[in-house]
N, C-alpha and C. Protein backbone atom coordinates (compact mmCIF):
# COMPACT_ATOMS: atom_id res chain seq x y z
N MET A 1 -12.06 2.66 -7.37
CA MET A 1 -11.35 2.01 -6.30
C MET A 1 -9.95 1.63 -6.74
N THR A 2 -9.85 0.98 -7.89
CA THR A 2 -8.57 0.48 -8.35
C THR A 2 -7.59 1.61 -8.62
N GLY A 3 -8.06 2.67 -9.27
CA GLY A 3 -7.17 3.76 -9.62
C GLY A 3 -6.93 4.74 -8.49
N ASP A 4 -7.56 4.53 -7.36
CA ASP A 4 -7.46 5.47 -6.24
C ASP A 4 -6.80 4.79 -5.05
N LEU A 5 -7.59 4.23 -4.18
CA LEU A 5 -7.07 3.64 -2.95
C LEU A 5 -6.14 2.45 -3.21
N LEU A 6 -6.53 1.58 -4.13
CA LEU A 6 -5.71 0.39 -4.39
C LEU A 6 -4.36 0.78 -4.98
N ALA A 7 -4.31 1.83 -5.78
CA ALA A 7 -3.04 2.25 -6.38
C ALA A 7 -2.00 2.59 -5.32
N HIS A 8 -2.42 3.15 -4.19
CA HIS A 8 -1.47 3.45 -3.11
C HIS A 8 -0.89 2.18 -2.52
N CYS A 9 -1.73 1.15 -2.38
CA CYS A 9 -1.25 -0.14 -1.87
C CYS A 9 -0.26 -0.76 -2.84
N ILE A 10 -0.55 -0.67 -4.12
CA ILE A 10 0.33 -1.23 -5.14
C ILE A 10 1.66 -0.50 -5.12
N ASP A 11 1.64 0.84 -5.07
CA ASP A 11 2.87 1.62 -4.98
C ASP A 11 3.76 1.13 -3.84
N THR A 12 3.15 0.98 -2.67
CA THR A 12 3.90 0.58 -1.48
C THR A 12 4.48 -0.82 -1.65
N ALA A 13 3.67 -1.75 -2.16
CA ALA A 13 4.13 -3.13 -2.32
C ALA A 13 5.28 -3.22 -3.32
N VAL A 14 5.18 -2.51 -4.42
CA VAL A 14 6.25 -2.54 -5.42
C VAL A 14 7.51 -1.90 -4.86
N TRP A 15 7.37 -0.84 -4.09
CA TRP A 15 8.53 -0.18 -3.47
C TRP A 15 9.23 -1.13 -2.50
N ILE A 16 8.46 -1.88 -1.73
CA ILE A 16 9.04 -2.78 -0.72
C ILE A 16 9.51 -4.10 -1.33
N ASN A 17 8.72 -4.67 -2.25
CA ASN A 17 8.94 -6.05 -2.67
C ASN A 17 9.31 -6.24 -4.13
N GLY A 18 9.30 -5.19 -4.93
CA GLY A 18 9.65 -5.33 -6.34
C GLY A 18 8.44 -5.44 -7.24
N SER A 19 8.69 -5.62 -8.51
CA SER A 19 7.64 -5.60 -9.54
C SER A 19 6.69 -6.78 -9.42
N ILE A 20 5.48 -6.56 -9.95
CA ILE A 20 4.45 -7.59 -10.01
C ILE A 20 4.43 -8.15 -11.42
N ARG A 21 4.43 -9.49 -11.52
CA ARG A 21 4.49 -10.17 -12.82
C ARG A 21 3.11 -10.39 -13.43
N ASP A 22 2.16 -10.90 -12.63
CA ASP A 22 0.82 -11.18 -13.15
C ASP A 22 -0.21 -11.09 -12.03
N VAL A 23 -1.48 -10.97 -12.44
CA VAL A 23 -2.57 -10.75 -11.48
C VAL A 23 -3.81 -11.57 -11.85
N SER A 24 -4.60 -11.88 -10.84
CA SER A 24 -5.93 -12.46 -11.01
C SER A 24 -6.86 -11.67 -10.09
N ALA A 25 -7.86 -11.01 -10.66
CA ALA A 25 -8.62 -10.01 -9.89
C ALA A 25 -10.13 -10.20 -9.98
N MET A 26 -10.79 -9.61 -8.97
CA MET A 26 -12.25 -9.47 -8.95
C MET A 26 -12.55 -8.03 -8.57
N THR A 27 -13.57 -7.46 -9.19
CA THR A 27 -14.06 -6.14 -8.79
C THR A 27 -15.57 -6.21 -8.68
N GLU A 28 -16.13 -5.27 -7.94
CA GLU A 28 -17.59 -5.22 -7.81
C GLU A 28 -18.02 -3.77 -7.68
N THR A 29 -19.11 -3.44 -8.35
CA THR A 29 -19.76 -2.14 -8.20
C THR A 29 -21.04 -2.37 -7.43
N PHE A 30 -21.09 -1.89 -6.20
CA PHE A 30 -22.26 -2.11 -5.35
C PHE A 30 -23.37 -1.11 -5.67
N VAL A 31 -23.01 0.12 -5.94
CA VAL A 31 -23.99 1.15 -6.27
C VAL A 31 -23.96 1.32 -7.79
N LYS A 32 -24.97 0.78 -8.45
CA LYS A 32 -24.98 0.69 -9.92
C LYS A 32 -25.30 2.01 -10.61
N GLU A 33 -26.04 2.89 -9.93
CA GLU A 33 -26.36 4.20 -10.47
C GLU A 33 -26.01 5.27 -9.44
N ARG A 34 -25.49 6.37 -9.92
CA ARG A 34 -25.11 7.47 -9.01
C ARG A 34 -25.53 8.80 -9.63
N VAL A 35 -25.67 9.78 -8.77
CA VAL A 35 -26.00 11.12 -9.23
C VAL A 35 -24.72 11.77 -9.74
N HIS A 36 -24.78 12.23 -10.99
CA HIS A 36 -23.64 12.89 -11.60
C HIS A 36 -23.41 14.24 -10.92
N ALA A 37 -22.17 14.54 -10.58
CA ALA A 37 -21.85 15.75 -9.81
C ALA A 37 -22.21 17.03 -10.57
N GLU A 38 -22.07 17.02 -11.88
CA GLU A 38 -22.32 18.25 -12.65
C GLU A 38 -23.75 18.37 -13.14
N THR A 39 -24.34 17.26 -13.60
CA THR A 39 -25.69 17.34 -14.18
C THR A 39 -26.79 17.10 -13.15
N GLY A 40 -26.47 16.45 -12.03
CA GLY A 40 -27.47 16.14 -11.03
C GLY A 40 -28.38 14.99 -11.42
N LYS A 41 -28.12 14.36 -12.58
CA LYS A 41 -28.95 13.25 -13.05
C LYS A 41 -28.35 11.93 -12.59
N LYS A 42 -29.24 10.99 -12.29
CA LYS A 42 -28.82 9.64 -11.92
C LYS A 42 -28.45 8.90 -13.20
N GLN A 43 -27.29 8.24 -13.17
CA GLN A 43 -26.85 7.52 -14.36
C GLN A 43 -26.05 6.28 -13.96
N PRO A 44 -25.98 5.29 -14.86
CA PRO A 44 -25.19 4.09 -14.57
C PRO A 44 -23.70 4.45 -14.47
N VAL A 45 -23.00 3.70 -13.63
CA VAL A 45 -21.57 3.96 -13.47
C VAL A 45 -20.78 2.69 -13.76
N GLY A 46 -19.55 2.89 -14.14
CA GLY A 46 -18.68 1.77 -14.44
C GLY A 46 -17.46 1.74 -13.56
N ILE A 47 -17.56 2.33 -12.38
CA ILE A 47 -16.41 2.32 -11.48
C ILE A 47 -16.57 1.20 -10.46
N ASP A 48 -15.46 0.72 -9.95
CA ASP A 48 -15.52 -0.36 -8.97
C ASP A 48 -15.53 0.19 -7.55
N ASP A 49 -16.35 -0.44 -6.71
CA ASP A 49 -16.43 -0.06 -5.30
C ASP A 49 -15.55 -0.95 -4.42
N ALA A 50 -15.19 -2.12 -4.94
CA ALA A 50 -14.35 -3.05 -4.19
C ALA A 50 -13.50 -3.85 -5.18
N CYS A 51 -12.34 -4.25 -4.72
CA CYS A 51 -11.42 -5.01 -5.57
C CYS A 51 -10.58 -5.94 -4.70
N SER A 52 -10.37 -7.14 -5.18
CA SER A 52 -9.42 -8.08 -4.58
C SER A 52 -8.60 -8.67 -5.71
N PHE A 53 -7.30 -8.84 -5.46
CA PHE A 53 -6.52 -9.55 -6.47
C PHE A 53 -5.35 -10.28 -5.85
N PHE A 54 -5.01 -11.39 -6.51
CA PHE A 54 -3.82 -12.16 -6.19
C PHE A 54 -2.76 -11.80 -7.21
N CYS A 55 -1.50 -11.95 -6.83
CA CYS A 55 -0.44 -11.68 -7.80
C CYS A 55 0.80 -12.51 -7.50
N HIS A 56 1.64 -12.61 -8.51
CA HIS A 56 3.00 -13.13 -8.37
C HIS A 56 3.94 -11.94 -8.55
N PHE A 57 4.84 -11.76 -7.59
CA PHE A 57 5.90 -10.77 -7.76
C PHE A 57 7.03 -11.41 -8.57
N THR A 58 7.84 -10.59 -9.21
CA THR A 58 8.92 -11.13 -10.02
C THR A 58 9.98 -11.85 -9.18
N ASN A 59 10.03 -11.58 -7.87
CA ASN A 59 10.98 -12.27 -7.01
C ASN A 59 10.47 -13.64 -6.55
N GLY A 60 9.27 -14.04 -7.02
CA GLY A 60 8.72 -15.34 -6.69
C GLY A 60 7.71 -15.33 -5.56
N SER A 61 7.59 -14.24 -4.84
CA SER A 61 6.63 -14.19 -3.73
C SER A 61 5.22 -13.95 -4.25
N LEU A 62 4.25 -14.22 -3.39
CA LEU A 62 2.84 -14.05 -3.72
C LEU A 62 2.29 -12.83 -3.00
N GLY A 63 1.25 -12.24 -3.57
CA GLY A 63 0.60 -11.10 -2.94
C GLY A 63 -0.91 -11.24 -2.98
N LEU A 64 -1.56 -10.66 -1.98
CA LEU A 64 -3.01 -10.58 -1.92
C LEU A 64 -3.36 -9.14 -1.55
N PHE A 65 -4.19 -8.51 -2.37
CA PHE A 65 -4.59 -7.12 -2.16
C PHE A 65 -6.11 -7.06 -2.05
N GLU A 66 -6.59 -6.22 -1.13
CA GLU A 66 -8.02 -5.98 -0.98
C GLU A 66 -8.24 -4.49 -0.78
N SER A 67 -9.27 -3.97 -1.39
CA SER A 67 -9.61 -2.57 -1.15
C SER A 67 -11.10 -2.37 -1.40
N THR A 68 -11.70 -1.47 -0.60
CA THR A 68 -13.11 -1.17 -0.77
C THR A 68 -13.41 0.19 -0.14
N ARG A 69 -14.43 0.81 -0.64
CA ARG A 69 -14.94 2.04 -0.04
C ARG A 69 -16.06 1.72 0.95
N TYR A 70 -16.44 0.45 1.07
CA TYR A 70 -17.60 0.09 1.87
C TYR A 70 -17.25 -0.74 3.09
N ALA A 71 -16.14 -0.49 3.70
CA ALA A 71 -15.78 -1.11 4.98
C ALA A 71 -16.05 -0.06 6.05
N ARG A 72 -17.31 0.16 6.35
CA ARG A 72 -17.72 1.28 7.19
C ARG A 72 -17.18 1.21 8.62
N GLY A 73 -16.78 0.04 9.08
CA GLY A 73 -16.24 -0.07 10.42
C GLY A 73 -14.83 0.47 10.56
N HIS A 74 -14.22 0.82 9.45
CA HIS A 74 -12.85 1.33 9.46
C HIS A 74 -12.83 2.75 8.91
N LYS A 75 -12.14 3.63 9.59
CA LYS A 75 -12.04 5.01 9.12
C LYS A 75 -11.07 5.12 7.94
N ALA A 76 -9.89 4.52 8.10
CA ALA A 76 -8.87 4.57 7.04
C ALA A 76 -7.96 3.36 7.20
N LEU A 77 -8.56 2.17 7.11
CA LEU A 77 -7.77 0.96 7.30
C LEU A 77 -6.81 0.78 6.14
N TYR A 78 -5.56 0.74 6.46
CA TYR A 78 -4.50 0.54 5.47
C TYR A 78 -3.45 -0.29 6.19
N THR A 79 -3.36 -1.55 5.85
CA THR A 79 -2.42 -2.44 6.52
C THR A 79 -1.57 -3.15 5.48
N LEU A 80 -0.42 -3.62 5.94
CA LEU A 80 0.38 -4.50 5.10
C LEU A 80 1.05 -5.51 5.99
N GLU A 81 1.27 -6.68 5.42
CA GLU A 81 1.95 -7.75 6.14
C GLU A 81 2.81 -8.49 5.14
N ILE A 82 4.05 -8.73 5.53
CA ILE A 82 4.99 -9.49 4.70
C ILE A 82 5.45 -10.68 5.52
N ASN A 83 5.26 -11.86 4.96
CA ASN A 83 5.64 -13.09 5.64
C ASN A 83 6.72 -13.79 4.86
N GLY A 84 7.79 -14.16 5.54
CA GLY A 84 8.88 -14.89 4.93
C GLY A 84 9.11 -16.21 5.63
N GLU A 85 10.10 -16.94 5.20
CA GLU A 85 10.40 -18.25 5.77
C GLU A 85 10.77 -18.16 7.24
N HIS A 86 11.48 -17.10 7.62
CA HIS A 86 12.00 -17.00 8.98
C HIS A 86 11.44 -15.83 9.79
N ALA A 87 10.75 -14.92 9.15
CA ALA A 87 10.27 -13.74 9.87
C ALA A 87 9.06 -13.15 9.16
N SER A 88 8.33 -12.33 9.90
CA SER A 88 7.18 -11.61 9.36
C SER A 88 7.18 -10.20 9.94
N ILE A 89 6.58 -9.28 9.20
CA ILE A 89 6.45 -7.91 9.67
C ILE A 89 5.07 -7.40 9.25
N ALA A 90 4.44 -6.60 10.09
CA ALA A 90 3.12 -6.06 9.79
C ALA A 90 3.06 -4.61 10.23
N TRP A 91 2.21 -3.83 9.53
CA TRP A 91 2.03 -2.41 9.84
C TRP A 91 0.57 -2.06 9.62
N ASP A 92 0.07 -1.11 10.42
CA ASP A 92 -1.32 -0.67 10.36
C ASP A 92 -1.35 0.85 10.49
N LEU A 93 -1.95 1.52 9.53
CA LEU A 93 -2.04 2.98 9.56
C LEU A 93 -2.70 3.49 10.84
N HIS A 94 -3.65 2.74 11.40
CA HIS A 94 -4.31 3.17 12.64
C HIS A 94 -3.34 3.25 13.80
N ASP A 95 -2.22 2.55 13.71
CA ASP A 95 -1.18 2.58 14.74
C ASP A 95 0.15 2.81 14.03
N LEU A 96 0.24 3.92 13.33
CA LEU A 96 1.32 4.15 12.38
C LEU A 96 2.71 4.24 12.97
N HIS A 97 2.84 4.32 14.27
CA HIS A 97 4.16 4.41 14.90
C HIS A 97 4.69 3.05 15.33
N ARG A 98 3.99 1.99 15.00
CA ARG A 98 4.40 0.65 15.43
C ARG A 98 4.54 -0.29 14.25
N LEU A 99 5.60 -1.08 14.30
CA LEU A 99 5.76 -2.22 13.43
C LEU A 99 5.60 -3.46 14.30
N LYS A 100 4.90 -4.43 13.80
CA LYS A 100 4.82 -5.72 14.50
C LYS A 100 5.79 -6.64 13.79
N TYR A 101 6.64 -7.31 14.56
CA TYR A 101 7.71 -8.13 13.99
C TYR A 101 7.76 -9.49 14.67
N PHE A 102 7.88 -10.53 13.88
CA PHE A 102 8.01 -11.90 14.37
C PHE A 102 9.27 -12.51 13.79
N ASP A 103 10.10 -13.10 14.63
CA ASP A 103 11.33 -13.75 14.19
C ASP A 103 11.32 -15.19 14.70
N HIS A 104 11.27 -16.15 13.79
CA HIS A 104 11.20 -17.56 14.19
C HIS A 104 12.47 -18.03 14.88
N SER A 105 13.58 -17.33 14.70
CA SER A 105 14.83 -17.75 15.34
C SER A 105 14.88 -17.37 16.82
N ASP A 106 13.91 -16.60 17.30
CA ASP A 106 13.85 -16.30 18.74
C ASP A 106 13.69 -17.61 19.52
N GLU A 107 14.18 -17.62 20.73
CA GLU A 107 14.00 -18.80 21.60
C GLU A 107 12.51 -19.08 21.76
N SER A 108 12.13 -20.34 21.76
CA SER A 108 10.71 -20.69 21.78
C SER A 108 9.98 -20.15 23.01
N THR A 109 10.67 -19.96 24.10
CA THR A 109 10.00 -19.46 25.31
C THR A 109 9.61 -17.99 25.19
N VAL A 110 10.22 -17.26 24.27
CA VAL A 110 9.87 -15.84 24.09
C VAL A 110 9.44 -15.54 22.66
N ARG A 111 9.33 -16.58 21.82
CA ARG A 111 8.97 -16.37 20.41
C ARG A 111 7.53 -15.86 20.32
N GLY A 112 7.35 -14.79 19.61
CA GLY A 112 6.03 -14.21 19.39
C GLY A 112 6.17 -12.86 18.72
N TRP A 113 5.06 -12.26 18.42
CA TRP A 113 5.06 -10.95 17.79
C TRP A 113 5.54 -9.91 18.79
N ARG A 114 6.47 -9.07 18.36
CA ARG A 114 6.90 -7.95 19.20
C ARG A 114 6.46 -6.65 18.54
N SER A 115 6.26 -5.65 19.34
CA SER A 115 5.83 -4.35 18.87
C SER A 115 7.01 -3.40 18.94
N ILE A 116 7.37 -2.83 17.78
CA ILE A 116 8.50 -1.91 17.71
C ILE A 116 7.95 -0.50 17.53
N HIS A 117 8.19 0.36 18.50
CA HIS A 117 7.75 1.75 18.41
C HIS A 117 8.82 2.50 17.61
N VAL A 118 8.44 3.04 16.46
CA VAL A 118 9.42 3.59 15.53
C VAL A 118 9.63 5.09 15.66
N SER A 119 9.38 5.64 16.84
CA SER A 119 9.58 7.08 16.99
C SER A 119 10.85 7.42 17.76
N ASP A 120 11.73 6.45 17.96
CA ASP A 120 13.00 6.73 18.61
C ASP A 120 13.88 7.53 17.65
N GLY A 121 14.78 8.33 18.18
CA GLY A 121 15.61 9.20 17.37
C GLY A 121 16.52 8.49 16.39
N ASN A 122 16.80 7.20 16.59
CA ASN A 122 17.66 6.45 15.66
C ASN A 122 16.90 5.92 14.45
N GLN A 123 15.59 5.97 14.47
CA GLN A 123 14.80 5.50 13.34
C GLN A 123 14.90 6.53 12.19
N PRO A 124 14.79 6.05 10.94
CA PRO A 124 14.85 7.00 9.82
C PRO A 124 13.87 8.15 10.00
N TYR A 125 14.30 9.33 9.72
CA TYR A 125 13.53 10.58 9.78
C TYR A 125 13.32 11.11 11.19
N MET A 126 13.32 10.26 12.20
CA MET A 126 12.92 10.70 13.53
C MET A 126 13.94 11.62 14.20
N GLY A 127 15.19 11.57 13.80
CA GLY A 127 16.18 12.47 14.36
C GLY A 127 15.92 13.93 14.03
N ASN A 128 15.00 14.18 13.10
CA ASN A 128 14.69 15.55 12.68
C ASN A 128 13.51 16.14 13.43
N TRP A 129 12.94 15.39 14.39
CA TRP A 129 11.76 15.86 15.08
C TRP A 129 12.03 16.07 16.54
N TRP A 130 10.97 16.25 17.30
CA TRP A 130 11.06 16.61 18.71
C TRP A 130 11.78 15.55 19.53
N VAL A 131 11.48 15.52 20.76
CA VAL A 131 12.10 14.59 21.69
C VAL A 131 11.82 13.16 21.22
N PRO A 132 12.86 12.30 21.18
CA PRO A 132 12.62 10.91 20.77
C PRO A 132 11.51 10.26 21.59
N GLY A 133 10.68 9.51 20.91
CA GLY A 133 9.58 8.81 21.57
C GLY A 133 8.25 9.52 21.44
N LEU A 134 8.25 10.82 21.10
CA LEU A 134 6.98 11.53 20.92
C LEU A 134 6.44 11.21 19.53
N GLN A 135 5.14 11.21 19.42
CA GLN A 135 4.48 10.88 18.17
C GLN A 135 4.60 12.02 17.17
N ILE A 136 4.68 11.64 15.91
CA ILE A 136 4.46 12.60 14.83
C ILE A 136 3.21 12.14 14.11
N GLY A 137 2.70 12.94 13.22
CA GLY A 137 1.44 12.60 12.56
C GLY A 137 1.60 12.21 11.11
N TYR A 138 0.49 11.79 10.54
CA TYR A 138 0.42 11.40 9.13
C TYR A 138 0.94 12.53 8.24
N GLU A 139 0.61 13.75 8.62
CA GLU A 139 1.00 14.91 7.79
C GLU A 139 2.50 15.06 7.69
N HIS A 140 3.25 14.56 8.67
CA HIS A 140 4.70 14.68 8.64
C HIS A 140 5.32 13.85 7.52
N SER A 141 4.63 12.81 7.07
CA SER A 141 5.15 12.00 5.98
C SER A 141 5.28 12.84 4.71
N PHE A 142 4.44 13.85 4.54
CA PHE A 142 4.54 14.72 3.37
C PHE A 142 5.75 15.63 3.47
N ILE A 143 6.10 16.03 4.67
CA ILE A 143 7.32 16.81 4.88
C ILE A 143 8.53 15.94 4.54
N HIS A 144 8.48 14.67 4.91
CA HIS A 144 9.57 13.75 4.58
C HIS A 144 9.69 13.59 3.07
N GLN A 145 8.58 13.56 2.36
CA GLN A 145 8.62 13.46 0.90
C GLN A 145 9.33 14.66 0.29
N VAL A 146 9.01 15.85 0.77
CA VAL A 146 9.66 17.06 0.26
C VAL A 146 11.16 17.02 0.57
N ALA A 147 11.51 16.61 1.79
CA ALA A 147 12.93 16.51 2.17
C ALA A 147 13.66 15.51 1.27
N ASP A 148 13.04 14.36 1.00
CA ASP A 148 13.65 13.37 0.10
C ASP A 148 13.83 13.95 -1.30
N PHE A 149 12.83 14.69 -1.77
CA PHE A 149 12.92 15.30 -3.10
C PHE A 149 14.07 16.31 -3.16
N LEU A 150 14.15 17.19 -2.17
CA LEU A 150 15.23 18.19 -2.16
C LEU A 150 16.60 17.53 -2.06
N GLN A 151 16.69 16.48 -1.27
CA GLN A 151 17.96 15.76 -1.15
C GLN A 151 18.31 15.08 -2.48
N SER A 152 17.32 14.59 -3.20
CA SER A 152 17.59 13.94 -4.49
C SER A 152 18.13 14.94 -5.51
N LEU A 153 17.67 16.19 -5.42
CA LEU A 153 18.17 17.21 -6.34
C LEU A 153 19.66 17.44 -6.15
N SER A 154 20.10 17.46 -4.91
CA SER A 154 21.52 17.70 -4.65
C SER A 154 22.35 16.44 -4.87
N GLY A 155 21.74 15.25 -4.73
CA GLY A 155 22.48 14.01 -4.87
C GLY A 155 22.50 13.43 -6.27
N GLY A 156 21.62 13.92 -7.14
CA GLY A 156 21.59 13.43 -8.50
C GLY A 156 20.80 12.15 -8.71
N GLU A 157 20.28 11.57 -7.65
CA GLU A 157 19.43 10.37 -7.74
C GLU A 157 17.98 10.81 -7.70
N PRO A 158 17.12 10.25 -8.55
CA PRO A 158 15.72 10.66 -8.50
C PRO A 158 15.05 10.22 -7.21
N ALA A 159 14.16 11.05 -6.72
CA ALA A 159 13.34 10.69 -5.55
C ALA A 159 12.22 9.77 -6.03
N HIS A 160 11.90 8.82 -5.21
CA HIS A 160 10.83 7.89 -5.57
C HIS A 160 9.58 8.23 -4.77
N PRO A 161 8.41 8.04 -5.34
CA PRO A 161 8.16 7.42 -6.63
C PRO A 161 8.42 8.38 -7.78
N THR A 162 8.89 7.81 -8.88
CA THR A 162 9.14 8.56 -10.10
C THR A 162 7.94 8.38 -11.04
N PHE A 163 7.99 9.04 -12.18
CA PHE A 163 6.95 8.84 -13.19
C PHE A 163 6.99 7.41 -13.71
N ARG A 164 8.19 6.81 -13.79
CA ARG A 164 8.29 5.40 -14.20
C ARG A 164 7.60 4.50 -13.17
N ASP A 165 7.78 4.80 -11.89
CA ASP A 165 7.10 4.03 -10.84
C ASP A 165 5.59 4.15 -11.01
N ALA A 166 5.12 5.35 -11.28
CA ALA A 166 3.68 5.58 -11.46
C ALA A 166 3.16 4.82 -12.69
N LEU A 167 3.97 4.78 -13.74
CA LEU A 167 3.58 4.05 -14.95
C LEU A 167 3.47 2.55 -14.64
N GLU A 168 4.39 2.02 -13.84
CA GLU A 168 4.30 0.61 -13.46
C GLU A 168 3.03 0.34 -12.66
N THR A 169 2.70 1.23 -11.73
CA THR A 169 1.47 1.07 -10.96
C THR A 169 0.26 1.12 -11.88
N GLN A 170 0.26 2.01 -12.86
CA GLN A 170 -0.86 2.11 -13.79
C GLN A 170 -1.00 0.84 -14.62
N ARG A 171 0.12 0.27 -15.03
CA ARG A 171 0.06 -0.99 -15.79
C ARG A 171 -0.52 -2.12 -14.95
N ILE A 172 -0.17 -2.15 -13.66
CA ILE A 172 -0.73 -3.15 -12.76
C ILE A 172 -2.23 -2.94 -12.60
N CYS A 173 -2.65 -1.69 -12.40
CA CYS A 173 -4.09 -1.38 -12.28
C CYS A 173 -4.83 -1.79 -13.55
N ASP A 174 -4.26 -1.52 -14.72
CA ASP A 174 -4.88 -1.92 -15.98
C ASP A 174 -5.02 -3.44 -16.06
N ALA A 175 -3.97 -4.17 -15.64
CA ALA A 175 -4.03 -5.64 -15.65
C ALA A 175 -5.09 -6.15 -14.67
N VAL A 176 -5.21 -5.49 -13.50
CA VAL A 176 -6.23 -5.87 -12.52
C VAL A 176 -7.63 -5.72 -13.12
N LEU A 177 -7.90 -4.59 -13.75
CA LEU A 177 -9.22 -4.35 -14.34
C LEU A 177 -9.49 -5.31 -15.49
N ALA A 178 -8.48 -5.60 -16.32
CA ALA A 178 -8.65 -6.55 -17.42
C ALA A 178 -8.90 -7.96 -16.89
N SER A 179 -8.20 -8.34 -15.84
CA SER A 179 -8.40 -9.66 -15.23
C SER A 179 -9.80 -9.80 -14.66
N ALA A 180 -10.27 -8.76 -13.97
CA ALA A 180 -11.62 -8.80 -13.40
C ALA A 180 -12.66 -8.89 -14.50
N ARG A 181 -12.45 -8.16 -15.57
CA ARG A 181 -13.40 -8.17 -16.69
C ARG A 181 -13.44 -9.54 -17.38
N ASP A 182 -12.25 -10.11 -17.65
CA ASP A 182 -12.16 -11.36 -18.42
C ASP A 182 -12.15 -12.61 -17.54
N ARG A 183 -12.04 -12.41 -16.22
CA ARG A 183 -11.97 -13.54 -15.28
C ARG A 183 -10.83 -14.49 -15.61
N GLN A 184 -9.66 -13.90 -15.89
CA GLN A 184 -8.45 -14.67 -16.22
C GLN A 184 -7.24 -13.99 -15.65
N TRP A 185 -6.17 -14.79 -15.44
CA TRP A 185 -4.88 -14.21 -15.05
C TRP A 185 -4.40 -13.32 -16.19
N LYS A 186 -3.80 -12.19 -15.82
CA LYS A 186 -3.25 -11.26 -16.82
C LYS A 186 -1.81 -10.94 -16.46
N ASN A 187 -0.94 -10.93 -17.46
CA ASN A 187 0.43 -10.48 -17.28
C ASN A 187 0.45 -8.97 -17.19
N VAL A 188 1.39 -8.46 -16.42
CA VAL A 188 1.52 -7.01 -16.30
C VAL A 188 2.46 -6.53 -17.38
């Protein structure tokens, strides 16, 4: 779990919010024995089926991460929410074309969460697709990755994530597993 699904969440959080300084984690293995894919024999496993961890980012903000393979009511639940002193933003993969945004400076009579549909032609990447307002799919994000990579080759700036970014994510995952094992906060 930690090295798979959770690593994608960590990548995204570090990209948006900066490095993680320390973590306090819990993991659980619900299925203690599994059939080995090659031998067909049932054997004990040491992989985690679920993980939760708290963290401090280097910018002073706090984070909470949860991941599991056993949330059967969700097909591919992947959400993020960032809350600040004056505003909040949230995103959900199930509704990938919408950002939910709250701004406390709005007049109190209209203050609340607003839904921003991000498929208009002025949004990043959307000017390269069909008629503004039409949906694109999850698969198009991979085309955007290739476009970013090709543009980085001509611009001389590396496309992210880089191998250094991946190494940072791996260090965070290692700290999460060590924290869960030792039941203590761990520095990254």
